[in-house]
Amino acid sequence: MRPPDAEPPGTPAAGVPGWQASCRCVGSSFAAWLAWDMADYGLARRWYGSSIKAAHASGDKLLAAYQTGSLAGFDRTSSATRAKSACP
């Protein structure tokens, strides 16, 4: 029997267990989405960065790619929104 704080089988051995990093990734991504929805673009970018770091720490390449794509979508949409609001 393994102790309750041990990593589940199949997770990376270095640093934070993969499943915990995945949970942090999803939570950070949700916080980024909420900040984006409230038009707080600086905070959204910070949360997306945190989400990408957590995805890499989890060892899940698909999750890391998804979060990087989410950041790219955010950058494209937020820059277009800012450009529209700057025009008279």
PDB file of N, CA and C in Angstrom:
ATOM      1  N   MET A   1       0.845  -1.177   0.000  1.00  0.00           N
ATOM      2  CA  MET A   1       0.000   0.000   0.000  1.00  0.00           C
ATOM      3  C   MET A   1       0.891   1.241   0.000  1.00  0.00           C
ATOM      4  N   ARG A   2       0.525   2.215  -0.811  1.00  0.00           N
ATOM      5  CA  ARG A   2       1.344   3.423  -0.866  1.00  0.00           C
ATOM      6  C   ARG A   2       0.778   4.497   0.055  1.00  0.00           C
ATOM      7  N   PRO A   3       1.626   5.378   0.551  1.00  0.00           N
ATOM      8  CA  PRO A   3       1.143   6.454   1.419  1.00  0.00           C
ATOM      9  C   PRO A   3       0.220   7.389   0.647  1.00  0.00           C
ATOM     10  N   PRO A   4      -0.685   8.095   1.317  1.00  0.00           N
ATOM     11  CA  PRO A   4      -1.654   8.946   0.630  1.00  0.00           C
ATOM     12  C   PRO A   4      -1.037  10.095  -0.160  1.00  0.00           C
ATOM     13  N   ASP A   5       0.174  10.524   0.185  1.00  0.00           N
ATOM     14  CA  ASP A   5       0.781  11.642  -0.538  1.00  0.00           C
ATOM     15  C   ASP A   5       1.677  11.168  -1.681  1.00  0.00           C
ATOM     16  N   ALA A   6       1.733   9.860  -1.919  1.00  0.00           N
ATOM     17  CA  ALA A   6       2.565   9.343  -3.008  1.00  0.00           C
ATOM     18  C   ALA A   6       1.907   9.624  -4.347  1.00  0.00           C
ATOM     19  N   GLU A   7       2.745   9.692  -5.366  1.00  0.00           N
ATOM     20  CA  GLU A   7       2.230   9.954  -6.701  1.00  0.00           C
ATOM     21  C   GLU A   7       1.495   8.733  -7.242  1.00  0.00           C
ATOM     22  N   PRO A   8       0.406   8.948  -7.995  1.00  0.00           N
ATOM     23  CA  PRO A   8      -0.237   7.814  -8.631  1.00  0.00           C
ATOM     24  C   PRO A   8       0.680   7.218  -9.697  1.00  0.00           C
ATOM     25  N   PRO A   9       0.496   5.975 -10.048  1.00  0.00           N
ATOM     26  CA  PRO A   9       1.358   5.358 -11.054  1.00  0.00           C
ATOM     27  C   PRO A   9       1.301   6.117 -12.375  1.00  0.00           C
ATOM     28  N   GLY A  10       2.447   6.223 -13.049  1.00  0.00           N
ATOM     29  CA  GLY A  10       2.501   6.859 -14.359  1.00  0.00           C
ATOM     30  C   GLY A  10       2.734   8.357 -14.348  1.00  0.00           C
ATOM     31  N   THR A  11       2.950   8.969 -13.197  1.00  0.00           N
ATOM     32  CA  THR A  11       3.202  10.410 -13.153  1.00  0.00           C
ATOM     33  C   THR A  11       4.702  10.672 -13.121  1.00  0.00           C
ATOM     34  N   PRO A  12       5.133  11.846 -13.602  1.00  0.00           N
ATOM     35  CA  PRO A  12       6.561  12.162 -13.550  1.00  0.00           C
ATOM     36  C   PRO A  12       7.064  12.212 -12.113  1.00  0.00           C
ATOM     37  N   ALA A  13       8.289  11.793 -11.919  1.00  0.00           N
ATOM     38  CA  ALA A  13       8.825  11.693 -10.564  1.00  0.00           C
ATOM     39  C   ALA A  13       9.389  13.002 -10.031  1.00  0.00           C
ATOM     40  N   ALA A  14       9.711  13.963 -10.901  1.00  0.00           N
ATOM     41  CA  ALA A  14      10.363  15.193 -10.448  1.00  0.00           C
ATOM     42  C   ALA A  14       9.339  16.243 -10.031  1.00  0.00           C
ATOM     43  N   GLY A  15       9.585  16.869  -8.905  1.00  0.00           N
ATOM     44  CA  GLY A  15       8.760  18.001  -8.476  1.00  0.00           C
ATOM     45  C   GLY A  15       7.366  17.602  -8.048  1.00  0.00           C
ATOM     46  N   VAL A  16       6.421  18.413  -8.440  1.00  0.00           N
ATOM     47  CA  VAL A  16       5.017  18.206  -8.081  1.00  0.00           C
ATOM     48  C   VAL A  16       4.484  17.003  -8.844  1.00  0.00           C
ATOM     49  N   PRO A  17       3.696  16.155  -8.176  1.00  0.00           N
ATOM     50  CA  PRO A  17       3.105  15.027  -8.897  1.00  0.00           C
ATOM     51  C   PRO A  17       2.291  15.508 -10.098  1.00  0.00           C
ATOM     52  N   GLY A  18       2.326  14.719 -11.149  1.00  0.00           N
ATOM     53  CA  GLY A  18       1.670  15.109 -12.394  1.00  0.00           C
ATOM     54  C   GLY A  18       0.197  15.432 -12.247  1.00  0.00           C
ATOM     55  N   TRP A  19      -0.524  14.659 -11.450  1.00  0.00           N
ATOM     56  CA  TRP A  19      -1.956  14.915 -11.332  1.00  0.00           C
ATOM     57  C   TRP A  19      -2.228  16.215 -10.583  1.00  0.00           C
ATOM     58  N   GLN A  20      -1.374  16.570  -9.629  1.00  0.00           N
ATOM     59  CA  GLN A  20      -1.547  17.839  -8.925  1.00  0.00           C
ATOM     60  C   GLN A  20      -1.242  19.007  -9.852  1.00  0.00           C
ATOM     61  N   ALA A  21      -0.222  18.867 -10.672  1.00  0.00           N
ATOM     62  CA  ALA A  21       0.125  19.919 -11.631  1.00  0.00           C
ATOM     63  C   ALA A  21      -0.987  20.074 -12.663  1.00  0.00           C
ATOM     64  N   SER A  22      -1.601  18.961 -13.068  1.00  0.00           N
ATOM     65  CA  SER A  22      -2.720  19.033 -14.009  1.00  0.00           C
ATOM     66  C   SER A  22      -3.899  19.788 -13.395  1.00  0.00           C
ATOM     67  N   CYS A  23      -4.174  19.538 -12.135  1.00  0.00           N
ATOM     68  CA  CYS A  23      -5.259  20.248 -11.445  1.00  0.00           C
ATOM     69  C   CYS A  23      -4.959  21.738 -11.348  1.00  0.00           C
ATOM     70  N   ARG A  24      -3.691  22.070 -11.037  1.00  0.00           N
ATOM     71  CA  ARG A  24      -3.297  23.489 -10.994  1.00  0.00           C
ATOM     72  C   ARG A  24      -3.453  24.124 -12.361  1.00  0.00           C
ATOM     73  N   CYS A  25      -3.116  23.378 -13.399  1.00  0.00           N
ATOM     74  CA  CYS A  25      -3.219  23.876 -14.766  1.00  0.00           C
ATOM     75  C   CYS A  25      -4.667  24.226 -15.101  1.00  0.00           C
ATOM     76  N   VAL A  26      -5.571  23.325 -14.813  1.00  0.00           N
ATOM     77  CA  VAL A  26      -6.984  23.552 -15.130  1.00  0.00           C
ATOM     78  C   VAL A  26      -7.541  24.717 -14.313  1.00  0.00           C
ATOM     79  N   GLY A  27      -7.166  24.793 -13.042  1.00  0.00           N
ATOM     80  CA  GLY A  27      -7.625  25.909 -12.207  1.00  0.00           C
ATOM     81  C   GLY A  27      -7.101  27.253 -12.699  1.00  0.00           C
ATOM     82  N   SER A  28      -5.830  27.273 -13.079  1.00  0.00           N
ATOM     83  CA  SER A  28      -5.241  28.512 -13.601  1.00  0.00           C
ATOM     84  C   SER A  28      -5.874  28.916 -14.921  1.00  0.00           C
ATOM     85  N   SER A  29      -6.174  27.929 -15.749  1.00  0.00           N
ATOM     86  CA  SER A  29      -6.818  28.206 -17.029  1.00  0.00           C
ATOM     87  C   SER A  29      -8.206  28.809 -16.817  1.00  0.00           C
ATOM     88  N   PHE A  30      -8.934  28.280 -15.855  1.00  0.00           N
ATOM     89  CA  PHE A  30     -10.263  28.820 -15.553  1.00  0.00           C
ATOM     90  C   PHE A  30     -10.157  30.251 -15.033  1.00  0.00           C
ATOM     91  N   ALA A  31      -9.187  30.499 -14.165  1.00  0.00           N
ATOM     92  CA  ALA A  31      -8.978  31.860 -13.655  1.00  0.00           C
ATOM     93  C   ALA A  31      -8.606  32.810 -14.789  1.00  0.00           C
ATOM     94  N   ALA A  32      -7.807  32.326 -15.748  1.00  0.00           N
ATOM     95  CA  ALA A  32      -7.441  33.152 -16.904  1.00  0.00           C
ATOM     96  C   ALA A  32      -8.668  33.494 -17.725  1.00  0.00           C
ATOM     97  N   TRP A  33      -9.518  32.504 -17.941  1.00  0.00           N
ATOM     98  CA  TRP A  33     -10.737  32.735 -18.712  1.00  0.00           C
ATOM     99  C   TRP A  33     -11.631  33.761 -18.019  1.00  0.00           C
ATOM    100  N   LEU A  34     -11.759  33.657 -16.698  1.00  0.00           N
ATOM    101  CA  LEU A  34     -12.580  34.625 -15.961  1.00  0.00           C
ATOM    102  C   LEU A  34     -11.998  36.035 -16.060  1.00  0.00           C
ATOM    103  N   ALA A  35     -10.679  36.153 -15.934  1.00  0.00           N
ATOM    104  CA  ALA A  35     -10.034  37.466 -16.050  1.00  0.00           C
ATOM    105  C   ALA A  35     -10.224  38.034 -17.452  1.00  0.00           C
ATOM    106  N   TRP A  36     -10.107  37.189 -18.459  1.00  0.00           N
ATOM    107  CA  TRP A  36     -10.313  37.598 -19.850  1.00  0.00           C
ATOM    108  C   TRP A  36     -11.737  38.092 -20.028  1.00  0.00           C
ATOM    109  N   ASP A  37     -12.694  37.358 -19.471  1.00  0.00           N
ATOM    110  CA  ASP A  37     -14.102  37.725 -19.577  1.00  0.00           C
ATOM    111  C   ASP A  37     -14.389  39.070 -18.912  1.00  0.00           C
ATOM    112  N   MET A  38     -13.615  39.404 -17.884  1.00  0.00           N
ATOM    113  CA  MET A  38     -13.795  40.686 -17.192  1.00  0.00           C
ATOM    114  C   MET A  38     -12.926  41.782 -17.798  1.00  0.00           C
ATOM    115  N   ALA A  39     -12.276  41.479 -18.925  1.00  0.00           N
ATOM    116  CA  ALA A  39     -11.419  42.423 -19.663  1.00  0.00           C
ATOM    117  C   ALA A  39     -10.198  42.864 -18.849  1.00  0.00           C
ATOM    118  N   ASP A  40      -9.738  42.025 -17.949  1.00  0.00           N
ATOM    119  CA  ASP A  40      -8.500  42.284 -17.219  1.00  0.00           C
ATOM    120  C   ASP A  40      -7.397  41.493 -17.921  1.00  0.00           C
ATOM    121  N   TYR A  41      -6.893  42.043 -19.032  1.00  0.00           N
ATOM    122  CA  TYR A  41      -5.999  41.306 -19.911  1.00  0.00           C
ATOM    123  C   TYR A  41      -4.643  41.004 -19.281  1.00  0.00           C
ATOM    124  N   GLY A  42      -4.146  41.882 -18.445  1.00  0.00           N
ATOM    125  CA  GLY A  42      -2.870  41.616 -17.776  1.00  0.00           C
ATOM    126  C   GLY A  42      -2.964  40.426 -16.841  1.00  0.00           C
ATOM    127  N   LEU A  43      -4.030  40.378 -16.071  1.00  0.00           N
ATOM    128  CA  LEU A  43      -4.227  39.259 -15.151  1.00  0.00           C
ATOM    129  C   LEU A  43      -4.482  37.964 -15.920  1.00  0.00           C
ATOM    130  N   ALA A  44      -5.236  38.057 -17.002  1.00  0.00           N
ATOM    131  CA  ALA A  44      -5.508  36.863 -17.811  1.00  0.00           C
ATOM    132  C   ALA A  44      -4.210  36.292 -18.371  1.00  0.00           C
ATOM    133  N   ARG A  45      -3.353  37.160 -18.877  1.00  0.00           N
ATOM    134  CA  ARG A  45      -2.067  36.689 -19.424  1.00  0.00           C
ATOM    135  C   ARG A  45      -1.227  36.015 -18.333  1.00  0.00           C
ATOM    136  N   ARG A  46      -1.229  36.590 -17.139  1.00  0.00           N
ATOM    137  CA  ARG A  46      -0.467  36.003 -16.030  1.00  0.00           C
ATOM    138  C   ARG A  46      -1.005  34.606 -15.682  1.00  0.00           C
ATOM    139  N   TRP A  47      -2.346  34.468 -15.629  1.00  0.00           N
ATOM    140  CA  TRP A  47      -2.941  33.172 -15.315  1.00  0.00           C
ATOM    141  C   TRP A  47      -2.670  32.152 -16.420  1.00  0.00           C
ATOM    142  N   TYR A  48      -2.725  32.599 -17.692  1.00  0.00           N
ATOM    143  CA  TYR A  48      -2.410  31.667 -18.780  1.00  0.00           C
ATOM    144  C   TYR A  48      -0.957  31.207 -18.676  1.00  0.00           C
ATOM    145  N   GLY A  49      -0.052  32.103 -18.323  1.00  0.00           N
ATOM    146  CA  GLY A  49       1.349  31.715 -18.139  1.00  0.00           C
ATOM    147  C   GLY A  49       1.507  30.683 -17.037  1.00  0.00           C
ATOM    148  N   SER A  50       0.788  30.887 -15.941  1.00  0.00           N
ATOM    149  CA  SER A  50       0.822  29.937 -14.834  1.00  0.00           C
ATOM    150  C   SER A  50       0.256  28.583 -15.263  1.00  0.00           C
ATOM    151  N   SER A  51      -0.779  28.631 -16.073  1.00  0.00           N
ATOM    152  CA  SER A  51      -1.399  27.405 -16.563  1.00  0.00           C
ATOM    153  C   SER A  51      -0.442  26.614 -17.453  1.00  0.00           C
ATOM    154  N   ILE A  52       0.280  27.318 -18.307  1.00  0.00           N
ATOM    155  CA  ILE A  52       1.233  26.653 -19.200  1.00  0.00           C
ATOM    156  C   ILE A  52       2.382  26.036 -18.398  1.00  0.00           C
ATOM    157  N   LYS A  53       2.871  26.750 -17.387  1.00  0.00           N
ATOM    158  CA  LYS A  53       3.940  26.194 -16.539  1.00  0.00           C
ATOM    159  C   LYS A  53       3.466  24.931 -15.822  1.00  0.00           C
ATOM    160  N   ALA A  54       2.243  24.967 -15.306  1.00  0.00           N
ATOM    161  CA  ALA A  54       1.703  23.795 -14.606  1.00  0.00           C
ATOM    162  C   ALA A  54       1.495  22.633 -15.575  1.00  0.00           C
ATOM    163  N   ALA A  55       1.075  22.938 -16.797  1.00  0.00           N
ATOM    164  CA  ALA A  55       0.887  21.877 -17.794  1.00  0.00           C
ATOM    165  C   ALA A  55       2.212  21.208 -18.115  1.00  0.00           C
ATOM    166  N   HIS A  56       3.269  21.987 -18.259  1.00  0.00           N
ATOM    167  CA  HIS A  56       4.589  21.405 -18.510  1.00  0.00           C
ATOM    168  C   HIS A  56       5.052  20.583 -17.307  1.00  0.00           C
ATOM    169  N   ALA A  57       4.776  21.055 -16.109  1.00  0.00           N
ATOM    170  CA  ALA A  57       5.163  20.318 -14.901  1.00  0.00           C
ATOM    171  C   ALA A  57       4.412  18.993 -14.791  1.00  0.00           C
ATOM    172  N   SER A  58       3.215  18.923 -15.354  1.00  0.00           N
ATOM    173  CA  SER A  58       2.434  17.684 -15.279  1.00  0.00           C
ATOM    174  C   SER A  58       2.995  16.602 -16.185  1.00  0.00           C
ATOM    175  N   GLY A  59       3.770  17.012 -17.184  1.00  0.00           N
ATOM    176  CA  GLY A  59       4.315  16.037 -18.116  1.00  0.00           C
ATOM    177  C   GLY A  59       3.346  15.667 -19.225  1.00  0.00           C
ATOM    178  N   ASP A  60       2.197  16.304 -19.274  1.00  0.00           N
ATOM    179  CA  ASP A  60       1.178  16.019 -20.291  1.00  0.00           C
ATOM    180  C   ASP A  60       1.382  16.967 -21.472  1.00  0.00           C
ATOM    181  N   LYS A  61       1.930  16.455 -22.555  1.00  0.00           N
ATOM    182  CA  LYS A  61       2.246  17.295 -23.709  1.00  0.00           C
ATOM    183  C   LYS A  61       0.992  17.846 -24.380  1.00  0.00           C
ATOM    184  N   LEU A  62      -0.072  17.061 -24.394  1.00  0.00           N
ATOM    185  CA  LEU A  62      -1.315  17.529 -25.003  1.00  0.00           C
ATOM    186  C   LEU A  62      -1.900  18.695 -24.201  1.00  0.00           C
ATOM    187  N   LEU A  63      -1.870  18.590 -22.890  1.00  0.00           N
ATOM    188  CA  LEU A  63      -2.370  19.669 -22.039  1.00  0.00           C
ATOM    189  C   LEU A  63      -1.545  20.937 -22.233  1.00  0.00           C
ATOM    190  N   ALA A  64      -0.238  20.786 -22.330  1.00  0.00           N
ATOM    191  CA  ALA A  64       0.643  21.941 -22.556  1.00  0.00           C
ATOM    192  C   ALA A  64       0.343  22.584 -23.911  1.00  0.00           C
ATOM    193  N   ALA A  65       0.129  21.773 -24.927  1.00  0.00           N
ATOM    194  CA  ALA A  65      -0.191  22.310 -26.252  1.00  0.00           C
ATOM    195  C   ALA A  65      -1.546  23.023 -26.236  1.00  0.00           C
ATOM    196  N   TYR A  66      -2.514  22.458 -25.547  1.00  0.00           N
ATOM    197  CA  TYR A  66      -3.838  23.064 -25.458  1.00  0.00           C
ATOM    198  C   TYR A  66      -3.766  24.429 -24.765  1.00  0.00           C
ATOM    199  N   GLN A  67      -3.016  24.502 -23.667  1.00  0.00           N
ATOM    200  CA  GLN A  67      -2.905  25.764 -22.931  1.00  0.00           C
ATOM    201  C   GLN A  67      -2.148  26.812 -23.740  1.00  0.00           C
ATOM    202  N   THR A  68      -1.134  26.385 -24.478  1.00  0.00           N
ATOM    203  CA  THR A  68      -0.399  27.316 -25.336  1.00  0.00           C
ATOM    204  C   THR A  68      -1.321  27.852 -26.428  1.00  0.00           C
ATOM    205  N   GLY A  69      -2.159  26.976 -26.979  1.00  0.00           N
ATOM    206  CA  GLY A  69      -3.150  27.409 -27.969  1.00  0.00           C
ATOM    207  C   GLY A  69      -4.174  28.355 -27.376  1.00  0.00           C
ATOM    208  N   SER A  70      -4.559  28.127 -26.136  1.00  0.00           N
ATOM    209  CA  SER A  70      -5.495  29.031 -25.460  1.00  0.00           C
ATOM    210  C   SER A  70      -4.885  30.416 -25.295  1.00  0.00           C
ATOM    211  N   LEU A  71      -3.599  30.460 -24.932  1.00  0.00           N
ATOM    212  CA  LEU A  71      -2.913  31.742 -24.810  1.00  0.00           C
ATOM    213  C   LEU A  71      -2.843  32.444 -26.165  1.00  0.00           C
ATOM    214  N   ALA A  72      -2.569  31.686 -27.222  1.00  0.00           N
ATOM    215  CA  ALA A  72      -2.509  32.272 -28.565  1.00  0.00           C
ATOM    216  C   ALA A  72      -3.873  32.847 -28.966  1.00  0.00           C
ATOM    217  N   GLY A  73      -4.933  32.116 -28.676  1.00  0.00           N
ATOM    218  CA  GLY A  73      -6.276  32.616 -28.962  1.00  0.00           C
ATOM    219  C   GLY A  73      -6.593  33.863 -28.167  1.00  0.00           C
ATOM    220  N   PHE A  74      -6.170  33.866 -26.913  1.00  0.00           N
ATOM    221  CA  PHE A  74      -6.366  35.048 -26.073  1.00  0.00           C
ATOM    222  C   PHE A  74      -5.627  36.247 -26.647  1.00  0.00           C
ATOM    223  N   ASP A  75      -4.360  36.050 -27.022  1.00  0.00           N
ATOM    224  CA  ASP A  75      -3.563  37.150 -27.578  1.00  0.00           C
ATOM    225  C   ASP A  75      -4.209  37.719 -28.834  1.00  0.00           C
ATOM    226  N   ARG A  76      -4.668  36.838 -29.696  1.00  0.00           N
ATOM    227  CA  ARG A  76      -5.273  37.296 -30.956  1.00  0.00           C
ATOM    228  C   ARG A  76      -6.570  38.060 -30.687  1.00  0.00           C
ATOM    229  N   THR A  77      -7.420  37.502 -29.858  1.00  0.00           N
ATOM    230  CA  THR A  77      -8.715  38.127 -29.581  1.00  0.00           C
ATOM    231  C   THR A  77      -8.561  39.411 -28.778  1.00  0.00           C
ATOM    232  N   SER A  78      -7.721  39.387 -27.749  1.00  0.00           N
ATOM    233  CA  SER A  78      -7.586  40.577 -26.906  1.00  0.00           C
ATOM    234  C   SER A  78      -6.936  41.729 -27.655  1.00  0.00           C
ATOM    235  N   SER A  79      -5.984  41.437 -28.532  1.00  0.00           N
ATOM    236  CA  SER A  79      -5.354  42.525 -29.301  1.00  0.00           C
ATOM    237  C   SER A  79      -6.337  43.108 -30.303  1.00  0.00           C
ATOM    238  N   ALA A  80      -7.200  42.275 -30.892  1.00  0.00           N
ATOM    239  CA  ALA A  80      -8.222  42.780 -31.807  1.00  0.00           C
ATOM    240  C   ALA A  80      -9.246  43.625 -31.058  1.00  0.00           C
ATOM    241  N   THR A  81      -9.611  43.213 -29.861  1.00  0.00           N
ATOM    242  CA  THR A  81     -10.569  43.954 -29.049  1.00  0.00           C
ATOM    243  C   THR A  81      -9.997  45.304 -28.646  1.00  0.00           C
ATOM    244  N   ARG A  82      -8.726  45.323 -28.248  1.00  0.00           N
ATOM    245  CA  ARG A  82      -8.089  46.589 -27.872  1.00  0.00           C
ATOM    246  C   ARG A  82      -7.966  47.523 -29.075  1.00  0.00           C
ATOM    247  N   ALA A  83      -7.693  46.962 -30.251  1.00  0.00           N
ATOM    248  CA  ALA A  83      -7.560  47.805 -31.445  1.00  0.00           C
ATOM    249  C   ALA A  83      -8.906  48.441 -31.811  1.00  0.00           C
ATOM    250  N   LYS A  84      -9.998  47.690 -31.670  1.00  0.00           N
ATOM    251  CA  LYS A  84     -11.319  48.233 -31.976  1.00  0.00           C
ATOM    252  C   LYS A  84     -11.694  49.341 -31.002  1.00  0.00           C
ATOM    253  N   SER A  85     -11.354  49.153 -29.729  1.00  0.00           N
ATOM    254  CA  SER A  85     -11.722  50.159 -28.737  1.00  0.00           C
ATOM    255  C   SER A  85     -10.876  51.429 -28.874  1.00  0.00           C
ATOM    256  N   ALA A  86      -9.696  51.327 -29.485  1.00  0.00           N
ATOM    257  CA  ALA A  86      -8.824  52.484 -29.649  1.00  0.00           C
ATOM    258  C   ALA A  86      -9.260  53.373 -30.838  1.00  0.00           C
ATOM    259  N   CYS A  87      -9.973  52.750 -31.782  1.00  0.00           N
ATOM    260  CA  CYS A  87     -10.422  53.520 -32.966  1.00  0.00           C
ATOM    261  C   CYS A  87     -11.662  54.335 -32.623  1.00  0.00           C
ATOM    262  N   PRO A  88     -11.738  55.571 -33.138  1.00  0.00           N
ATOM    263  CA  PRO A  88     -12.929  56.376 -32.842  1.00  0.00           C
ATOM    264  C   PRO A  88     -14.153  55.910 -33.592  1.00  0.00           C
TER     265      PRO A  88
END
